[in-house]
Amino acid sequence: MAKHVIHISEKEAAATNVATLLAHVRAGTEVVIENGARPIAVLHPAEPVRRTISECIALLPEDSTATIDPDFAKDVETAVESYREPLDPPAWD
């Protein structure tokens, strides 16, 4: 969820330059476009593109010497466990 939320009317959204709305979104602000008190659209940052391990490996150059050793899975698990806290904790925490 975005830290900042802007509520604007449908009329304001139509009169506002799209680049201006997108600048707010790029800055992490969620823009809620409303008709009266009813939300009709929400602009928010897109989820980052995620790749699978096999996709990452496929991106390696052909002459790459990168290998997955027997401890790879344990190393990944250790890394994941060390970052279990949410990156953006909810505002009520």
Foldseek 3Di string as FASTA:
>chain_A
DFPAEAEEEPVVVVVDDVVVVVVCQVVRYKYFYHHVPHTDDIDHDDDDDDDDPVVVVVPDDPPDPDDQDPCNVVVVVVVCVVPVDDPDDDPVD
